[in-house]
Amino acid sequence: MAVESPRPWTAPIGPSRTRSSARAATDVRIPMGVADLDHLSGGVPLGSVVLLWGDSGSGHQEFALTSAAHLMMYHDDPGFHPFHLGGYQGPVAVPGRVLYVSTSRSRENLLQEVDAAFDAPYRSVLREHLAFHDLSPAYFSDSVVPSAWSAVGTPLLGGTRTPPGGGAGPLGAIADIIESEGEKNLVIVDSLTDLIVRKATDPEQLVTLVKGLRRRAKDLGGLVYLLLTKGVAPPSLEQALSDSVDGVLSFAWQASPHHSQRQRTMVIEKFLPVLAHLREEQHGRFVIMVRDQSGLVTTQYERV
């Protein structure tokens, strides 16, 4: 049986230097948990569906994990909001918990990776607040992978022994999980990449699911991240998925003439409620770093 989600709350936090005085006080938003981005944008509207799209290892998964950890750190201790969420005025809605929907990885696989990458506060808050759904049995059900490799041996926090979705496969399971537990929570779907390379996945059904999710998410009032690796899907499918979400954050490795090593960057390719609150000079690349003590952080802006 699923663990009941604690209800999120709204709270005004910090003095605002970015929000217009004309914005109604009832315009509640959800912070993304990356302090500089939240400070500049004022957070995102409730019910946003965001595509985190990037080169392999370029930071899209780290963005999702940093967001989850910082939101739950604020959940545990709102006094640290300037560090975790940036200094802007609310009211804001903080998700009650994090649902991590994995198509092919186990909870322990993910947490072992987190343990190796981040310091203790990040490890502990994610282990405490992550409600994990492992869809491996549904994902590998019609493949050459032995059932023992994909079996979920014990009930998972926030999950069930039998995956949701019935005979609808992983797409139906994702829809069922979000419908039953996604209200006012942060949902991370890891990943669209797995679904696209799965032979049994109909691309049209995948796009339809994302379009339906975008519509339903407005009623559920949480925040949904969809992870996708660049170059896996045909350009037409990538474009269809981009058109079917509220926001697209694009991550990439960039070579710089000023550095001997590559650097990771993030571009807000699409997100009207966020871009509208950024100054023109900030409509460029965010140079990002991933640190064991602070997760993903932005370090500077580059005009493009």
Protein backbone atom coordinates (compact mmCIF):
# COMPACT_ATOMS: atom_id res chain seq x y z
CA MET A 1 0.00 0.00 0.00
CA ALA A 2 1.28 3.45 -0.89
CA VAL A 3 2.54 5.70 1.87
CA GLU A 4 0.17 8.64 2.38
CA SER A 5 1.74 11.89 1.24
CA PRO A 6 2.01 14.75 3.71
CA ARG A 7 0.26 17.79 2.28
CA PRO A 8 2.52 20.61 1.13
CA TRP A 9 2.06 24.09 2.47
CA THR A 10 2.43 27.64 1.24
CA ALA A 11 4.67 30.15 2.94
CA PRO A 12 6.11 33.57 2.05
CA ILE A 13 9.89 33.35 1.98
CA GLY A 14 12.48 36.09 1.74
CA PRO A 15 12.36 39.57 0.23
CA SER A 16 11.85 39.65 -3.52
CA ARG A 17 14.14 41.41 -5.95
CA THR A 18 12.73 39.80 -9.08
CA ARG A 19 8.97 39.60 -8.71
CA SER A 20 6.75 42.32 -10.11
CA SER A 21 4.62 44.15 -7.57
CA ALA A 22 1.71 43.71 -9.96
CA ARG A 23 1.73 39.96 -9.54
CA ALA A 24 -1.13 38.85 -7.34
CA ALA A 25 -0.28 37.49 -3.93
CA THR A 26 -2.30 34.42 -4.78
CA ASP A 27 0.08 33.50 -7.64
CA VAL A 28 1.54 30.51 -5.84
CA ARG A 29 4.58 28.89 -7.46
CA ILE A 30 6.83 25.91 -6.88
CA PRO A 31 10.59 26.52 -6.61
CA MET A 32 12.86 24.20 -8.59
CA GLY A 33 15.45 23.96 -5.85
CA VAL A 34 18.33 25.56 -7.79
CA ALA A 35 18.83 28.79 -5.87
CA ASP A 36 20.02 31.14 -8.62
CA LEU A 37 17.36 29.96 -11.05
CA ASP A 38 14.61 30.31 -8.45
CA HIS A 39 15.88 33.75 -7.47
CA LEU A 40 15.77 34.94 -11.08
CA SER A 41 12.51 33.31 -12.13
CA GLY A 42 10.42 33.23 -8.96
CA GLY A 43 9.72 29.52 -9.38
CA VAL A 44 7.35 27.76 -11.78
CA PRO A 45 3.54 27.55 -11.91
CA LEU A 46 1.80 24.72 -10.09
CA GLY A 47 1.26 21.74 -12.34
CA SER A 48 4.26 22.36 -14.61
CA VAL A 49 5.60 19.48 -16.71
CA VAL A 50 9.28 20.06 -17.51
CA LEU A 51 11.43 18.13 -19.99
CA LEU A 52 15.02 17.82 -18.74
CA TRP A 53 16.81 17.11 -21.99
CA GLY A 54 20.54 16.69 -22.28
CA ASP A 55 23.68 15.04 -23.52
CA SER A 56 24.67 11.98 -21.55
CA GLY A 57 26.11 13.08 -18.20
CA SER A 58 25.56 16.78 -18.89
CA GLY A 59 23.50 17.44 -15.78
CA HIS A 60 19.81 16.72 -16.39
CA GLN A 61 19.65 13.89 -13.85
CA GLU A 62 21.73 15.90 -11.39
CA PHE A 63 19.29 18.81 -11.79
CA ALA A 64 16.36 16.53 -10.89
CA LEU A 65 18.15 15.07 -7.86
CA THR A 66 19.33 18.49 -6.63
CA SER A 67 15.81 19.84 -6.99
CA ALA A 68 14.39 16.90 -5.05
CA ALA A 69 16.99 17.14 -2.27
CA HIS A 70 16.71 20.93 -1.81
CA LEU A 71 12.92 20.90 -1.79
CA MET A 72 12.91 18.19 0.85
CA MET A 73 15.59 20.02 2.87
CA TYR A 74 13.32 23.07 2.85
CA HIS A 75 10.42 20.78 3.77
CA ASP A 76 12.38 19.64 6.83
CA ASP A 77 13.77 23.05 7.81
CA PRO A 78 12.31 26.15 6.08
CA GLY A 79 14.89 28.32 7.83
CA PHE A 80 17.50 27.40 5.23
CA HIS A 81 15.51 28.70 2.26
CA PRO A 82 18.10 31.27 1.02
CA PHE A 83 20.59 28.48 0.38
CA HIS A 84 18.23 25.84 -0.98
CA LEU A 85 15.64 27.90 -2.87
CA GLY A 86 17.08 31.38 -3.40
CA GLY A 87 15.93 34.66 -1.92
CA TYR A 88 12.54 35.51 -3.36
CA GLN A 89 9.13 36.26 -1.94
CA GLY A 90 6.33 33.70 -1.87
CA PRO A 91 3.82 32.45 -1.50
CA VAL A 92 5.33 29.17 -2.62
CA ALA A 93 4.08 25.60 -2.55
CA VAL A 94 6.57 23.00 -1.38
CA PRO A 95 5.87 19.41 -2.50
CA GLY A 96 5.06 17.01 0.28
CA ARG A 97 7.38 14.33 -1.06
CA VAL A 98 9.22 13.09 -4.15
CA LEU A 99 7.97 10.28 -6.38
CA TYR A 100 10.78 8.75 -8.40
CA VAL A 101 9.43 6.59 -11.22
CA SER A 102 12.19 4.45 -12.72
CA THR A 103 11.58 2.45 -15.86
CA SER A 104 14.59 0.16 -15.58
CA ARG A 105 16.70 0.89 -12.48
CA SER A 106 16.14 -0.25 -8.92
CA ARG A 107 15.89 2.00 -5.89
CA GLU A 108 19.18 0.70 -4.52
CA ASN A 109 20.94 1.27 -7.86
CA LEU A 110 19.91 4.92 -7.75
CA LEU A 111 20.71 5.45 -4.08
CA GLN A 112 24.13 3.82 -4.44
CA GLU A 113 24.87 6.36 -7.17
CA VAL A 114 23.66 9.18 -4.94
CA ASP A 115 25.80 7.88 -2.06
CA ALA A 116 28.90 7.90 -4.27
CA ALA A 117 28.27 11.38 -5.67
CA PHE A 118 26.92 13.53 -2.83
CA ASP A 119 27.66 14.34 0.79
CA ALA A 120 25.70 12.97 3.74
CA PRO A 121 22.88 15.58 3.90
CA TYR A 122 21.88 14.82 0.32
CA ARG A 123 22.09 11.07 0.84
CA SER A 124 20.00 11.14 4.00
CA VAL A 125 17.25 13.47 2.75
CA LEU A 126 16.76 11.48 -0.45
CA ARG A 127 16.73 8.16 1.37
CA GLU A 128 14.12 9.54 3.76
CA HIS A 129 11.81 11.30 1.31
CA LEU A 130 12.14 9.38 -1.97
CA ALA A 131 9.06 7.29 -2.75
CA PHE A 132 10.42 4.97 -5.40
CA HIS A 133 8.46 3.09 -8.08
CA ASP A 134 10.43 0.44 -9.96
CA LEU A 135 8.74 -0.40 -13.27
CA SER A 136 11.42 -2.90 -14.31
CA PRO A 137 9.03 -5.90 -14.32
CA ALA A 138 6.71 -4.12 -16.77
CA TYR A 139 9.57 -2.66 -18.80
CA PHE A 140 11.41 -5.97 -19.27
CA SER A 141 8.31 -8.18 -19.45
CA ASP A 142 8.55 -8.87 -23.20
CA SER A 143 12.34 -8.81 -23.50
CA VAL A 144 15.22 -11.28 -23.34
CA VAL A 145 16.07 -10.10 -19.79
CA PRO A 146 15.51 -12.93 -17.26
CA SER A 147 12.68 -12.23 -14.84
CA ALA A 148 15.07 -12.60 -11.89
CA TRP A 149 17.03 -9.58 -13.13
CA SER A 150 14.03 -7.26 -13.09
CA ALA A 151 12.09 -8.67 -10.14
CA VAL A 152 11.15 -6.36 -7.29
CA GLY A 153 11.88 -8.58 -4.34
CA THR A 154 10.30 -6.56 -1.55
CA PRO A 155 7.70 -3.80 -1.34
CA LEU A 156 9.26 -0.41 -1.96
CA LEU A 157 8.61 2.81 -0.10
CA GLY A 158 5.68 4.38 -1.87
CA GLY A 159 5.49 1.48 -4.35
CA THR A 160 3.73 -1.82 -4.76
CA ARG A 161 4.85 -5.39 -5.36
CA THR A 162 2.77 -5.55 -8.54
CA PRO A 163 3.45 -2.60 -10.85
CA PRO A 164 0.48 -0.36 -11.65
CA GLY A 165 -0.86 -0.09 -15.15
CA GLY A 166 -2.12 -3.65 -15.58
CA GLY A 167 -1.62 -4.80 -19.14
CA ALA A 168 -0.91 -1.28 -20.41
CA GLY A 169 2.82 -1.67 -19.83
CA PRO A 170 5.12 1.03 -18.47
CA LEU A 171 3.17 3.90 -20.09
CA GLY A 172 0.00 2.88 -18.29
CA ALA A 173 1.96 2.34 -15.08
CA ILE A 174 3.38 5.87 -15.20
CA ALA A 175 -0.08 7.32 -15.73
CA ASP A 176 -1.52 5.29 -12.83
CA ILE A 177 1.24 6.33 -10.42
CA ILE A 178 0.95 10.01 -11.22
CA GLU A 179 -2.83 9.91 -11.01
CA SER A 180 -2.87 8.10 -7.65
CA GLU A 181 0.11 9.76 -5.92
CA GLY A 182 1.22 12.78 -7.92
CA GLU A 183 -1.08 15.39 -6.40
CA LYS A 184 0.98 18.29 -4.99
CA ASN A 185 4.16 16.22 -5.16
CA LEU A 186 7.37 16.34 -7.19
CA VAL A 187 7.41 13.50 -9.74
CA ILE A 188 10.61 12.45 -11.56
CA VAL A 189 10.16 10.08 -14.52
CA ASP A 190 13.48 8.39 -15.32
CA SER A 191 13.32 8.10 -18.21
CA LEU A 192 11.69 8.82 -21.55
CA THR A 193 14.96 7.56 -23.05
CA ASP A 194 14.25 4.02 -21.83
CA LEU A 195 10.72 4.17 -23.22
CA ILE A 196 11.83 5.42 -26.63
CA VAL A 197 14.40 2.65 -27.14
CA ARG A 198 11.91 -0.01 -26.03
CA LYS A 199 10.64 -1.70 -29.19
CA ALA A 200 7.14 -2.19 -27.77
CA THR A 201 6.67 1.54 -27.09
CA ASP A 202 4.49 3.29 -29.64
CA PRO A 203 5.93 6.81 -30.13
CA GLU A 204 2.47 8.22 -30.78
CA GLN A 205 1.20 6.76 -27.51
CA LEU A 206 4.20 8.22 -25.68
CA VAL A 207 3.50 11.71 -27.04
CA THR A 208 -0.20 11.30 -26.23
CA LEU A 209 0.69 10.32 -22.66
CA VAL A 210 2.86 13.43 -22.25
CA LYS A 211 0.14 15.67 -23.70
CA GLY A 212 -2.42 14.15 -21.35
CA LEU A 213 -0.03 14.52 -18.44
CA ARG A 214 0.44 18.20 -19.20
CA ARG A 215 -3.32 18.68 -19.08
CA ARG A 216 -3.90 16.62 -15.93
CA ALA A 217 -0.91 18.06 -14.04
CA LYS A 218 -2.63 21.44 -13.77
CA ASP A 219 -5.32 19.84 -11.60
CA LEU A 220 -2.82 17.82 -9.55
CA GLY A 221 -0.83 20.95 -8.75
CA GLY A 222 2.63 19.42 -8.37
CA LEU A 223 5.75 19.46 -10.53
CA VAL A 224 6.81 16.77 -13.02
CA TYR A 225 10.28 16.23 -14.49
CA LEU A 226 10.68 14.02 -17.56
CA LEU A 227 14.27 12.94 -18.29
CA LEU A 228 15.43 12.44 -21.88
CA THR A 229 18.89 11.94 -23.39
CA LYS A 230 19.58 13.92 -26.54
CA GLY A 231 20.08 12.11 -29.82
CA VAL A 232 18.17 8.96 -28.88
CA ALA A 233 14.83 9.88 -30.45
CA PRO A 234 14.38 11.00 -34.06
CA PRO A 235 14.27 14.81 -34.38
CA SER A 236 10.54 14.73 -35.14
CA LEU A 237 9.81 12.84 -31.91
CA GLU A 238 12.09 15.13 -29.90
CA GLN A 239 10.20 18.12 -31.28
CA ALA A 240 6.82 16.54 -30.56
CA LEU A 241 7.82 15.88 -26.96
CA SER A 242 9.17 19.41 -26.59
CA ASP A 243 5.90 20.83 -27.90
CA SER A 244 3.92 18.67 -25.46
CA VAL A 245 5.41 20.00 -22.20
CA ASP A 246 5.33 23.34 -20.40
CA GLY A 247 9.07 23.84 -20.16
CA VAL A 248 12.28 22.49 -21.67
CA LEU A 249 15.64 22.78 -19.92
CA SER A 250 18.44 21.73 -22.26
CA PHE A 251 21.76 20.50 -20.86
CA ALA A 252 24.99 20.08 -22.84
CA TRP A 253 28.74 19.72 -22.67
CA GLN A 254 30.48 22.79 -24.11
CA ALA A 255 34.10 23.37 -25.05
CA SER A 256 35.36 26.80 -24.03
CA PRO A 257 38.31 28.71 -25.54
CA HIS A 258 39.09 29.95 -22.04
CA HIS A 259 39.36 26.51 -20.43
CA SER A 260 41.23 23.34 -21.26
CA GLN A 261 38.35 21.19 -20.04
CA ARG A 262 34.72 20.96 -21.07
CA GLN A 263 32.03 22.63 -19.01
CA ARG A 264 28.38 21.80 -18.51
CA THR A 265 25.74 24.31 -19.53
CA MET A 266 21.98 24.70 -19.27
CA VAL A 267 19.65 26.66 -21.56
CA ILE A 268 15.98 27.38 -20.93
CA GLU A 269 14.76 26.51 -24.42
CA LYS A 270 11.08 26.87 -23.61
CA PHE A 271 9.24 28.00 -20.49
CA LEU A 272 7.08 31.09 -20.95
CA PRO A 273 6.32 31.70 -17.23
CA VAL A 274 10.05 31.54 -16.46
CA LEU A 275 11.52 33.36 -19.46
CA ALA A 276 9.08 36.22 -19.01
CA HIS A 277 10.68 37.02 -15.63
CA LEU A 278 14.31 36.87 -16.78
CA ARG A 279 16.12 39.95 -18.00
CA GLU A 280 17.17 39.89 -21.64
CA GLU A 281 20.84 39.44 -20.79
CA GLN A 282 19.93 36.28 -18.85
CA HIS A 283 18.39 34.58 -21.90
CA GLY A 284 21.59 32.68 -22.52
CA ARG A 285 23.53 29.69 -21.27
CA PHE A 286 23.80 29.01 -17.57
CA VAL A 287 27.19 27.50 -16.83
CA ILE A 288 26.60 24.78 -14.25
CA MET A 289 28.67 22.67 -11.90
CA VAL A 290 27.76 19.61 -9.87
CA ARG A 291 29.40 19.50 -6.45
CA ASP A 292 29.21 16.83 -3.79
CA GLN A 293 28.41 19.43 -1.09
CA SER A 294 25.83 21.55 -2.91
CA GLY A 295 24.45 19.53 -5.81
CA LEU A 296 23.93 21.35 -9.11
CA VAL A 297 24.69 25.07 -9.04
CA THR A 298 24.86 27.79 -11.67
CA THR A 299 28.14 29.70 -11.78
CA GLN A 300 27.70 32.32 -14.53
CA TYR A 301 25.71 33.30 -17.62
CA GLU A 302 26.94 33.34 -21.20
CA ARG A 303 25.24 35.20 -24.03
CA VAL A 304 24.55 33.02 -27.07
